[in-house]
Amino acid sequence: MTNENEIEIETQPKKRLGLKIFITIVLIIGLFCLYIFQVEVNLVTIKEQAIIDEELPENFNGLKIAQFSDIHFGRTIFNQDLEKITKKINNLNCDVVVFTGDLLDDFIKINSEDIQGIKNNLGNIQAKYRKYAILGDSDYIDRNLVLEIMNDAGFTVLDNSNDLLYIKGKEPLMFVGVSSISENQDDLTTALDIEEKPNDYFKILLAHEPTISYEAEDYDINVILSGHSLGGLIKLGSFSLLRQEEVDKFYKGHYILDNGTNLYVSPGLGTYKYNVRLGNLPTINFYRLYNN
């Protein structure tokens, strides 16, 4: 026959075990939240890729391009972060640097000090030949401000327009930029200007939303660089959550369209609506172009 003391001795270890399990679960959840909300959103990485296209003119063989996208300033990226990003881009010693939209964020207000800091940081980005930028959907909350920032920082804004880059030869590379599809501001025909000036230039299209691909398949475009999707902020294997709208199947990485055009979708640097990343590091894309 057991007495009350024996029952008390028997139940105390069970209570302590349950408490330990509860504390362990709380710690794991806390560390997990810390990682996805504070750590991974700041682990900026560089992804290097080779773009091979036999149509690339010989004088551009080996051209180095850095792409950064989707900053959404004021969420997880501030000027101290932009300074670090600028240094990472400059360490690549690129020929061309491109920004594919969403400098600002729909829900974040910035002040004059922020604006000057952004200008200074983006102005410090170095490229041997040219810096290009396009507008994303979030940039239309203050289009004029974004244009001012980018122009002051030395970027050529391709707002449904193009620019010919000449180096070491007579045959140029055509950089084409279209404005946001989500805001119904895109005009690829005007951007290409091929009706007025037919050409067979090697064309690199900068488009914020990757769904420009459906229209671009009707044109002779070699490479498309885009962003917008953020890669799906949470990505576990093939499972992806919190993608930006209007990305369809093009949400991260390299795709080859039916007409042979290479599409590259950047996971971007910032966050949108939810300040979280998991299995999807903020990324600067670094491309080397080759013709064989």
C-alpha atoms as a PDB file:
ATOM      1  CA  MET A   1       0.000   0.000   0.000  1.00  0.00           C
ATOM      2  CA  THR A   2       1.526   3.342  -1.103  1.00  0.00           C
ATOM      3  CA  ASN A   3       1.478   6.424   1.044  1.00  0.00           C
ATOM      4  CA  GLU A   4       1.185  10.105   0.073  1.00  0.00           C
ATOM      5  CA  ASN A   5       4.952  10.676   0.256  1.00  0.00           C
ATOM      6  CA  GLU A   6       5.623   7.964  -2.332  1.00  0.00           C
ATOM      7  CA  ILE A   7       3.042   9.499  -4.716  1.00  0.00           C
ATOM      8  CA  GLU A   8       4.631  12.937  -4.363  1.00  0.00           C
ATOM      9  CA  ILE A   9       8.135  11.565  -5.091  1.00  0.00           C
ATOM     10  CA  GLU A  10       6.812   9.736  -8.145  1.00  0.00           C
ATOM     11  CA  THR A  11       5.013  12.715  -9.711  1.00  0.00           C
ATOM     12  CA  GLN A  12       7.705  15.371  -9.208  1.00  0.00           C
ATOM     13  CA  PRO A  13      10.074  13.987 -11.917  1.00  0.00           C
ATOM     14  CA  LYS A  14       7.155  13.871 -14.368  1.00  0.00           C
ATOM     15  CA  LYS A  15       6.348  17.525 -13.690  1.00  0.00           C
ATOM     16  CA  ARG A  16      10.000  18.525 -14.159  1.00  0.00           C
ATOM     17  CA  LEU A  17      10.195  16.562 -17.418  1.00  0.00           C
ATOM     18  CA  GLY A  18       7.060  18.238 -18.744  1.00  0.00           C
ATOM     19  CA  LEU A  19       8.438  21.656 -17.835  1.00  0.00           C
ATOM     20  CA  LYS A  20      11.737  20.921 -19.576  1.00  0.00           C
ATOM     21  CA  ILE A  21       9.919  19.815 -22.730  1.00  0.00           C
ATOM     22  CA  PHE A  22       7.783  22.970 -22.675  1.00  0.00           C
ATOM     23  CA  ILE A  23      10.824  25.240 -22.198  1.00  0.00           C
ATOM     24  CA  THR A  24      12.686  23.428 -25.001  1.00  0.00           C
ATOM     25  CA  ILE A  25       9.764  23.878 -27.410  1.00  0.00           C
ATOM     26  CA  VAL A  26       9.490  27.589 -26.523  1.00  0.00           C
ATOM     27  CA  LEU A  27      13.246  28.048 -27.082  1.00  0.00           C
ATOM     28  CA  ILE A  28      13.132  26.253 -30.435  1.00  0.00           C
ATOM     29  CA  ILE A  29      10.192  28.371 -31.597  1.00  0.00           C
ATOM     30  CA  GLY A  30      11.926  31.512 -30.341  1.00  0.00           C
ATOM     31  CA  LEU A  31      15.199  30.690 -32.129  1.00  0.00           C
ATOM     32  CA  PHE A  32      13.309  29.788 -35.293  1.00  0.00           C
ATOM     33  CA  CYS A  33      11.465  33.123 -35.269  1.00  0.00           C
ATOM     34  CA  LEU A  34      14.713  34.959 -34.560  1.00  0.00           C
ATOM     35  CA  TYR A  35      16.327  33.270 -37.546  1.00  0.00           C
ATOM     36  CA  ILE A  36      13.578  33.892 -40.095  1.00  0.00           C
ATOM     37  CA  PHE A  37      12.784  37.455 -38.931  1.00  0.00           C
ATOM     38  CA  GLN A  38      16.249  38.747 -38.023  1.00  0.00           C
ATOM     39  CA  VAL A  39      19.023  36.517 -39.361  1.00  0.00           C
ATOM     40  CA  GLU A  40      18.236  35.189 -42.847  1.00  0.00           C
ATOM     41  CA  VAL A  41      16.785  38.525 -44.017  1.00  0.00           C
ATOM     42  CA  ASN A  42      20.309  39.949 -43.530  1.00  0.00           C
ATOM     43  CA  LEU A  43      22.371  37.104 -45.004  1.00  0.00           C
ATOM     44  CA  VAL A  44      23.028  38.731 -48.382  1.00  0.00           C
ATOM     45  CA  THR A  45      24.662  36.280 -50.755  1.00  0.00           C
ATOM     46  CA  ILE A  46      26.074  36.481 -54.280  1.00  0.00           C
ATOM     47  CA  LYS A  47      24.952  33.980 -56.896  1.00  0.00           C
ATOM     48  CA  GLU A  48      27.220  33.710 -59.917  1.00  0.00           C
ATOM     49  CA  GLN A  49      25.892  32.368 -63.216  1.00  0.00           C
ATOM     50  CA  ALA A  50      27.214  32.064 -66.742  1.00  0.00           C
ATOM     51  CA  ILE A  51      24.951  33.232 -69.567  1.00  0.00           C
ATOM     52  CA  ILE A  52      25.949  31.481 -72.788  1.00  0.00           C
ATOM     53  CA  ASP A  53      24.548  32.664 -76.103  1.00  0.00           C
ATOM     54  CA  GLU A  54      26.345  32.156 -79.401  1.00  0.00           C
ATOM     55  CA  GLU A  55      24.802  35.384 -80.718  1.00  0.00           C
ATOM     56  CA  LEU A  56      26.752  37.483 -78.214  1.00  0.00           C
ATOM     57  CA  PRO A  57      29.211  39.717 -80.118  1.00  0.00           C
ATOM     58  CA  GLU A  58      32.833  38.748 -79.554  1.00  0.00           C
ATOM     59  CA  ASN A  59      33.708  42.166 -78.110  1.00  0.00           C
ATOM     60  CA  PHE A  60      31.315  41.474 -75.201  1.00  0.00           C
ATOM     61  CA  ASN A  61      32.600  37.977 -74.454  1.00  0.00           C
ATOM     62  CA  GLY A  62      33.232  37.819 -70.697  1.00  0.00           C
ATOM     63  CA  LEU A  63      31.092  40.873 -69.877  1.00  0.00           C
ATOM     64  CA  LYS A  64      30.284  41.032 -66.154  1.00  0.00           C
ATOM     65  CA  ILE A  65      26.837  42.178 -64.998  1.00  0.00           C
ATOM     66  CA  ALA A  66      25.575  42.545 -61.425  1.00  0.00           C
ATOM     67  CA  GLN A  67      21.832  42.604 -60.808  1.00  0.00           C
ATOM     68  CA  PHE A  68      20.186  43.726 -57.597  1.00  0.00           C
ATOM     69  CA  SER A  69      16.468  44.060 -57.101  1.00  0.00           C
ATOM     70  CA  ASP A  70      13.529  44.618 -54.740  1.00  0.00           C
ATOM     71  CA  ILE A  71      15.072  46.628 -51.927  1.00  0.00           C
ATOM     72  CA  HIS A  72      11.748  47.760 -50.404  1.00  0.00           C
ATOM     73  CA  PHE A  73      13.650  50.295 -48.342  1.00  0.00           C
ATOM     74  CA  GLY A  74      12.626  50.611 -44.705  1.00  0.00           C
ATOM     75  CA  ARG A  75      11.516  47.034 -44.121  1.00  0.00           C
ATOM     76  CA  THR A  76      14.621  44.895 -43.661  1.00  0.00           C
ATOM     77  CA  ILE A  77      16.992  47.113 -45.644  1.00  0.00           C
ATOM     78  CA  PHE A  78      18.154  50.484 -44.358  1.00  0.00           C
ATOM     79  CA  ASN A  79      21.071  52.693 -45.334  1.00  0.00           C
ATOM     80  CA  GLN A  80      23.573  50.762 -43.236  1.00  0.00           C
ATOM     81  CA  ASP A  81      22.513  47.652 -45.160  1.00  0.00           C
ATOM     82  CA  LEU A  82      22.698  49.453 -48.500  1.00  0.00           C
ATOM     83  CA  GLU A  83      26.264  50.420 -47.664  1.00  0.00           C
ATOM     84  CA  LYS A  84      27.188  46.751 -47.216  1.00  0.00           C
ATOM     85  CA  ILE A  85      25.354  45.797 -50.412  1.00  0.00           C
ATOM     86  CA  THR A  86      27.217  48.512 -52.316  1.00  0.00           C
ATOM     87  CA  LYS A  87      30.559  47.139 -51.105  1.00  0.00           C
ATOM     88  CA  LYS A  88      29.603  43.608 -52.167  1.00  0.00           C
ATOM     89  CA  ILE A  89      28.659  44.825 -55.653  1.00  0.00           C
ATOM     90  CA  ASN A  90      31.841  46.887 -55.996  1.00  0.00           C
ATOM     91  CA  ASN A  91      33.977  43.889 -55.014  1.00  0.00           C
ATOM     92  CA  LEU A  92      32.695  42.159 -58.163  1.00  0.00           C
ATOM     93  CA  ASN A  93      34.356  44.772 -60.426  1.00  0.00           C
ATOM     94  CA  CYS A  94      31.442  44.695 -62.859  1.00  0.00           C
ATOM     95  CA  ASP A  95      31.201  46.187 -66.313  1.00  0.00           C
ATOM     96  CA  VAL A  96      27.479  46.870 -65.943  1.00  0.00           C
ATOM     97  CA  VAL A  97      25.202  47.065 -62.888  1.00  0.00           C
ATOM     98  CA  VAL A  98      21.418  46.825 -63.221  1.00  0.00           C
ATOM     99  CA  PHE A  99      18.631  47.464 -60.735  1.00  0.00           C
ATOM    100  CA  THR A 100      15.326  45.791 -61.606  1.00  0.00           C
ATOM    101  CA  GLY A 101      12.842  47.749 -59.542  1.00  0.00           C
ATOM    102  CA  ASP A 102      11.092  48.285 -56.198  1.00  0.00           C
ATOM    103  CA  LEU A 103      13.442  50.663 -54.456  1.00  0.00           C
ATOM    104  CA  LEU A 104      10.556  51.887 -52.286  1.00  0.00           C
ATOM    105  CA  ASP A 105       7.749  50.069 -50.484  1.00  0.00           C
ATOM    106  CA  ASP A 106       4.008  50.698 -50.555  1.00  0.00           C
ATOM    107  CA  PHE A 107       3.701  50.735 -46.761  1.00  0.00           C
ATOM    108  CA  ILE A 108       6.880  52.523 -45.667  1.00  0.00           C
ATOM    109  CA  LYS A 109       7.404  56.280 -45.518  1.00  0.00           C
ATOM    110  CA  ILE A 110      10.949  57.645 -45.753  1.00  0.00           C
ATOM    111  CA  ASN A 111      12.340  61.022 -44.740  1.00  0.00           C
ATOM    112  CA  SER A 112      14.839  63.400 -46.339  1.00  0.00           C
ATOM    113  CA  GLU A 113      17.746  61.862 -44.411  1.00  0.00           C
ATOM    114  CA  ASP A 114      16.832  58.407 -45.733  1.00  0.00           C
ATOM    115  CA  ILE A 115      16.614  59.760 -49.273  1.00  0.00           C
ATOM    116  CA  GLN A 116      20.033  61.401 -49.122  1.00  0.00           C
ATOM    117  CA  GLY A 117      21.525  58.207 -47.690  1.00  0.00           C
ATOM    118  CA  ILE A 118      20.031  56.130 -50.516  1.00  0.00           C
ATOM    119  CA  LYS A 119      21.417  58.551 -53.096  1.00  0.00           C
ATOM    120  CA  ASN A 120      24.859  58.388 -51.523  1.00  0.00           C
ATOM    121  CA  ASN A 121      24.934  54.602 -51.294  1.00  0.00           C
ATOM    122  CA  LEU A 122      23.587  53.931 -54.778  1.00  0.00           C
ATOM    123  CA  GLY A 123      25.844  56.673 -56.105  1.00  0.00           C
ATOM    124  CA  ASN A 124      28.839  54.801 -54.686  1.00  0.00           C
ATOM    125  CA  ILE A 125      28.047  51.704 -56.748  1.00  0.00           C
ATOM    126  CA  GLN A 126      30.736  51.384 -59.403  1.00  0.00           C
ATOM    127  CA  ALA A 127      30.442  49.995 -62.924  1.00  0.00           C
ATOM    128  CA  LYS A 128      33.059  50.153 -65.649  1.00  0.00           C
ATOM    129  CA  TYR A 129      30.616  51.139 -68.387  1.00  0.00           C
ATOM    130  CA  ARG A 130      27.056  51.774 -67.246  1.00  0.00           C
ATOM    131  CA  LYS A 131      24.473  51.566 -64.443  1.00  0.00           C
ATOM    132  CA  TYR A 132      20.862  50.927 -65.499  1.00  0.00           C
ATOM    133  CA  ALA A 133      17.598  50.934 -63.554  1.00  0.00           C
ATOM    134  CA  ILE A 134      13.898  50.329 -64.168  1.00  0.00           C
ATOM    135  CA  LEU A 135      10.797  51.048 -62.097  1.00  0.00           C
ATOM    136  CA  GLY A 136       8.936  48.399 -60.120  1.00  0.00           C
ATOM    137  CA  ASP A 137       5.281  48.469 -59.128  1.00  0.00           C
ATOM    138  CA  SER A 138       6.029  49.789 -55.619  1.00  0.00           C
ATOM    139  CA  ASP A 139       8.075  52.639 -57.081  1.00  0.00           C
ATOM    140  CA  TYR A 140       4.894  54.214 -58.414  1.00  0.00           C
ATOM    141  CA  ILE A 141       3.958  55.391 -54.928  1.00  0.00           C
ATOM    142  CA  ASP A 142       6.377  58.219 -55.767  1.00  0.00           C
ATOM    143  CA  ARG A 143       7.653  57.779 -59.297  1.00  0.00           C
ATOM    144  CA  ASN A 144       9.268  61.205 -59.446  1.00  0.00           C
ATOM    145  CA  LEU A 145      11.228  60.580 -56.259  1.00  0.00           C
ATOM    146  CA  VAL A 146      12.579  57.258 -57.536  1.00  0.00           C
ATOM    147  CA  LEU A 147      13.599  58.890 -60.815  1.00  0.00           C
ATOM    148  CA  GLU A 148      15.324  61.655 -58.868  1.00  0.00           C
ATOM    149  CA  ILE A 149      17.203  59.183 -56.653  1.00  0.00           C
ATOM    150  CA  MET A 150      18.330  57.006 -59.519  1.00  0.00           C
ATOM    151  CA  ASN A 151      19.386  59.895 -61.726  1.00  0.00           C
ATOM    152  CA  ASP A 152      21.322  61.534 -58.895  1.00  0.00           C
ATOM    153  CA  ALA A 153      22.993  58.189 -58.168  1.00  0.00           C
ATOM    154  CA  GLY A 154      24.241  57.957 -61.753  1.00  0.00           C
ATOM    155  CA  PHE A 155      21.823  55.340 -63.066  1.00  0.00           C
ATOM    156  CA  THR A 156      20.353  55.507 -66.551  1.00  0.00           C
ATOM    157  CA  VAL A 157      16.636  54.825 -66.035  1.00  0.00           C
ATOM    158  CA  LEU A 158      15.173  52.824 -68.902  1.00  0.00           C
ATOM    159  CA  ASP A 159      11.519  53.822 -68.708  1.00  0.00           C
ATOM    160  CA  ASN A 160      10.130  51.986 -71.761  1.00  0.00           C
ATOM    161  CA  SER A 161      13.313  52.883 -73.588  1.00  0.00           C
ATOM    162  CA  ASN A 162      16.677  51.426 -74.572  1.00  0.00           C
ATOM    163  CA  ASP A 163      20.351  52.244 -74.595  1.00  0.00           C
ATOM    164  CA  LEU A 164      23.129  51.003 -76.868  1.00  0.00           C
ATOM    165  CA  LEU A 165      26.376  50.069 -75.164  1.00  0.00           C
ATOM    166  CA  TYR A 166      29.473  50.205 -77.353  1.00  0.00           C
ATOM    167  CA  ILE A 167      32.825  48.782 -76.252  1.00  0.00           C
ATOM    168  CA  LYS A 168      35.826  47.579 -78.233  1.00  0.00           C
ATOM    169  CA  GLY A 169      34.003  47.441 -81.537  1.00  0.00           C
ATOM    170  CA  LYS A 170      31.246  48.700 -83.794  1.00  0.00           C
ATOM    171  CA  GLU A 171      28.557  46.199 -82.767  1.00  0.00           C
ATOM    172  CA  PRO A 172      26.652  47.329 -79.639  1.00  0.00           C
ATOM    173  CA  LEU A 173      24.701  45.580 -76.958  1.00  0.00           C
ATOM    174  CA  MET A 174      21.123  46.841 -76.545  1.00  0.00           C
ATOM    175  CA  PHE A 175      19.835  47.224 -73.003  1.00  0.00           C
ATOM    176  CA  VAL A 176      16.050  47.544 -72.992  1.00  0.00           C
ATOM    177  CA  GLY A 177      13.913  48.539 -70.023  1.00  0.00           C
ATOM    178  CA  VAL A 178      10.154  48.273 -69.540  1.00  0.00           C
ATOM    179  CA  SER A 179       8.170  49.762 -66.696  1.00  0.00           C
ATOM    180  CA  SER A 180       5.849  47.888 -64.360  1.00  0.00           C
ATOM    181  CA  ILE A 181       3.272  45.518 -65.816  1.00  0.00           C
ATOM    182  CA  SER A 182       1.341  45.511 -62.528  1.00  0.00           C
ATOM    183  CA  GLU A 183       0.837  49.255 -62.859  1.00  0.00           C
ATOM    184  CA  ASN A 184      -0.013  48.969 -66.593  1.00  0.00           C
ATOM    185  CA  GLN A 185       3.001  51.109 -67.421  1.00  0.00           C
ATOM    186  CA  ASP A 186       4.834  48.649 -69.692  1.00  0.00           C
ATOM    187  CA  ASP A 187       5.284  49.319 -73.407  1.00  0.00           C
ATOM    188  CA  LEU A 188       7.695  46.790 -74.861  1.00  0.00           C
ATOM    189  CA  THR A 189       7.172  47.892 -78.459  1.00  0.00           C
ATOM    190  CA  THR A 190       8.174  51.460 -77.639  1.00  0.00           C
ATOM    191  CA  ALA A 191      11.060  50.251 -75.491  1.00  0.00           C
ATOM    192  CA  LEU A 192      12.512  48.141 -78.295  1.00  0.00           C
ATOM    193  CA  ASP A 193      11.951  50.879 -80.885  1.00  0.00           C
ATOM    194  CA  ILE A 194      12.297  48.271 -83.614  1.00  0.00           C
ATOM    195  CA  GLU A 195       9.455  49.596 -85.744  1.00  0.00           C
ATOM    196  CA  GLU A 196      11.370  52.828 -86.263  1.00  0.00           C
ATOM    197  CA  LYS A 197      14.854  51.317 -86.152  1.00  0.00           C
ATOM    198  CA  PRO A 198      14.896  47.637 -87.153  1.00  0.00           C
ATOM    199  CA  ASN A 199      18.001  45.905 -85.819  1.00  0.00           C
ATOM    200  CA  ASP A 200      19.550  42.570 -84.970  1.00  0.00           C
ATOM    201  CA  TYR A 201      21.379  43.696 -81.846  1.00  0.00           C
ATOM    202  CA  PHE A 202      21.974  41.335 -78.939  1.00  0.00           C
ATOM    203  CA  LYS A 203      19.236  42.436 -76.539  1.00  0.00           C
ATOM    204  CA  ILE A 204      19.105  42.314 -72.742  1.00  0.00           C
ATOM    205  CA  LEU A 205      15.661  43.199 -71.398  1.00  0.00           C
ATOM    206  CA  LEU A 206      15.230  44.557 -67.873  1.00  0.00           C
ATOM    207  CA  ALA A 207      11.673  43.983 -66.649  1.00  0.00           C
ATOM    208  CA  HIS A 208      10.477  44.081 -63.064  1.00  0.00           C
ATOM    209  CA  GLU A 209       7.784  41.420 -63.447  1.00  0.00           C
ATOM    210  CA  PRO A 210       8.923  38.143 -65.074  1.00  0.00           C
ATOM    211  CA  THR A 211       5.528  37.725 -66.755  1.00  0.00           C
ATOM    212  CA  ILE A 212       6.792  40.117 -69.441  1.00  0.00           C
ATOM    213  CA  SER A 213       8.093  36.835 -70.874  1.00  0.00           C
ATOM    214  CA  TYR A 214       4.741  36.039 -72.481  1.00  0.00           C
ATOM    215  CA  GLU A 215       4.931  39.176 -74.596  1.00  0.00           C
ATOM    216  CA  ALA A 216       8.700  39.032 -75.064  1.00  0.00           C
ATOM    217  CA  GLU A 217       8.437  35.657 -76.799  1.00  0.00           C
ATOM    218  CA  ASP A 218       7.138  37.524 -79.847  1.00  0.00           C
ATOM    219  CA  TYR A 219      10.382  39.491 -80.117  1.00  0.00           C
ATOM    220  CA  ASP A 220      14.019  38.659 -80.737  1.00  0.00           C
ATOM    221  CA  ILE A 221      15.306  39.122 -77.179  1.00  0.00           C
ATOM    222  CA  ASN A 222      18.297  37.175 -75.936  1.00  0.00           C
ATOM    223  CA  VAL A 223      18.209  37.671 -72.162  1.00  0.00           C
ATOM    224  CA  ILE A 224      15.600  38.899 -69.666  1.00  0.00           C
ATOM    225  CA  LEU A 225      16.579  39.976 -66.150  1.00  0.00           C
ATOM    226  CA  SER A 226      13.684  40.448 -63.738  1.00  0.00           C
ATOM    227  CA  GLY A 227      12.703  40.429 -60.057  1.00  0.00           C
ATOM    228  CA  HIS A 228       9.406  41.150 -58.268  1.00  0.00           C
ATOM    229  CA  SER A 229       8.654  37.613 -57.046  1.00  0.00           C
ATOM    230  CA  LEU A 230      11.152  37.696 -54.152  1.00  0.00           C
ATOM    231  CA  GLY A 231      11.543  34.006 -54.871  1.00  0.00           C
ATOM    232  CA  GLY A 232       8.745  33.154 -52.489  1.00  0.00           C
ATOM    233  CA  LEU A 233       9.910  34.475 -49.117  1.00  0.00           C
ATOM    234  CA  ILE A 234       9.563  31.029 -47.550  1.00  0.00           C
ATOM    235  CA  LYS A 235      10.957  28.191 -49.644  1.00  0.00           C
ATOM    236  CA  LEU A 236      11.314  24.602 -48.508  1.00  0.00           C
ATOM    237  CA  GLY A 237      12.459  22.426 -51.388  1.00  0.00           C
ATOM    238  CA  SER A 238       9.944  22.843 -54.196  1.00  0.00           C
ATOM    239  CA  PHE A 239       7.385  24.310 -51.807  1.00  0.00           C
ATOM    240  CA  SER A 240       7.172  28.105 -51.873  1.00  0.00           C
ATOM    241  CA  LEU A 241       5.095  30.611 -49.896  1.00  0.00           C
ATOM    242  CA  LEU A 242       4.622  34.395 -49.857  1.00  0.00           C
ATOM    243  CA  ARG A 243       5.396  35.049 -53.497  1.00  0.00           C
ATOM    244  CA  GLN A 244       4.678  38.418 -55.001  1.00  0.00           C
ATOM    245  CA  GLU A 245       1.625  38.652 -57.200  1.00  0.00           C
ATOM    246  CA  GLU A 246       1.612  38.104 -60.953  1.00  0.00           C
ATOM    247  CA  VAL A 247       4.674  35.890 -61.214  1.00  0.00           C
ATOM    248  CA  ASP A 248       2.893  32.764 -62.441  1.00  0.00           C
ATOM    249  CA  LYS A 249       5.455  29.962 -62.799  1.00  0.00           C
ATOM    250  CA  PHE A 250       8.429  32.324 -63.064  1.00  0.00           C
ATOM    251  CA  TYR A 251       9.361  33.012 -59.465  1.00  0.00           C
ATOM    252  CA  LYS A 252      13.093  32.298 -59.023  1.00  0.00           C
ATOM    253  CA  GLY A 253      16.116  31.214 -61.022  1.00  0.00           C
ATOM    254  CA  HIS A 254      16.762  30.434 -64.685  1.00  0.00           C
ATOM    255  CA  TYR A 255      14.107  29.622 -67.274  1.00  0.00           C
ATOM    256  CA  ILE A 256      14.439  29.012 -71.002  1.00  0.00           C
ATOM    257  CA  LEU A 257      11.420  30.282 -72.928  1.00  0.00           C
ATOM    258  CA  ASP A 258       9.952  28.446 -75.922  1.00  0.00           C
ATOM    259  CA  ASN A 259      11.758  30.768 -78.329  1.00  0.00           C
ATOM    260  CA  GLY A 260      15.128  30.166 -76.638  1.00  0.00           C
ATOM    261  CA  THR A 261      15.256  33.401 -74.620  1.00  0.00           C
ATOM    262  CA  ASN A 262      17.014  33.070 -71.263  1.00  0.00           C
ATOM    263  CA  LEU A 263      14.996  34.452 -68.340  1.00  0.00           C
ATOM    264  CA  TYR A 264      16.631  35.046 -64.955  1.00  0.00           C
ATOM    265  CA  VAL A 265      14.433  35.920 -61.969  1.00  0.00           C
ATOM    266  CA  SER A 266      16.198  37.411 -58.953  1.00  0.00           C
ATOM    267  CA  PRO A 267      14.953  36.604 -55.421  1.00  0.00           C
ATOM    268  CA  GLY A 268      15.784  40.203 -54.557  1.00  0.00           C
ATOM    269  CA  LEU A 269      17.222  41.685 -51.396  1.00  0.00           C
ATOM    270  CA  GLY A 270      14.332  42.954 -49.299  1.00  0.00           C
ATOM    271  CA  THR A 271      10.949  41.706 -48.141  1.00  0.00           C
ATOM    272  CA  TYR A 272       7.350  42.693 -48.821  1.00  0.00           C
ATOM    273  CA  LYS A 273       4.364  42.707 -46.432  1.00  0.00           C
ATOM    274  CA  TYR A 274       6.023  40.041 -44.279  1.00  0.00           C
ATOM    275  CA  ASN A 275       9.560  40.749 -43.026  1.00  0.00           C
ATOM    276  CA  VAL A 276      10.647  37.144 -43.187  1.00  0.00           C
ATOM    277  CA  ARG A 277      12.845  34.825 -45.234  1.00  0.00           C
ATOM    278  CA  LEU A 278      13.411  31.088 -44.965  1.00  0.00           C
ATOM    279  CA  GLY A 279      15.352  28.916 -47.434  1.00  0.00           C
ATOM    280  CA  ASN A 280      15.629  31.923 -49.739  1.00  0.00           C
ATOM    281  CA  LEU A 281      18.588  34.181 -49.042  1.00  0.00           C
ATOM    282  CA  PRO A 282      18.581  37.820 -50.192  1.00  0.00           C
ATOM    283  CA  THR A 283      20.710  37.711 -53.320  1.00  0.00           C
ATOM    284  CA  ILE A 284      22.874  39.795 -55.635  1.00  0.00           C
ATOM    285  CA  ASN A 285      23.026  38.067 -59.016  1.00  0.00           C
ATOM    286  CA  PHE A 286      26.358  38.118 -60.834  1.00  0.00           C
ATOM    287  CA  TYR A 287      26.406  37.127 -64.507  1.00  0.00           C
ATOM    288  CA  ARG A 288      29.257  36.523 -66.929  1.00  0.00           C
ATOM    289  CA  LEU A 289      28.282  36.544 -70.613  1.00  0.00           C
ATOM    290  CA  TYR A 290      29.920  34.159 -73.066  1.00  0.00           C
ATOM    291  CA  ASN A 291      29.294  33.235 -76.689  1.00  0.00           C
ATOM    292  CA  ASN A 292      30.547  29.654 -76.422  1.00  0.00           C
END
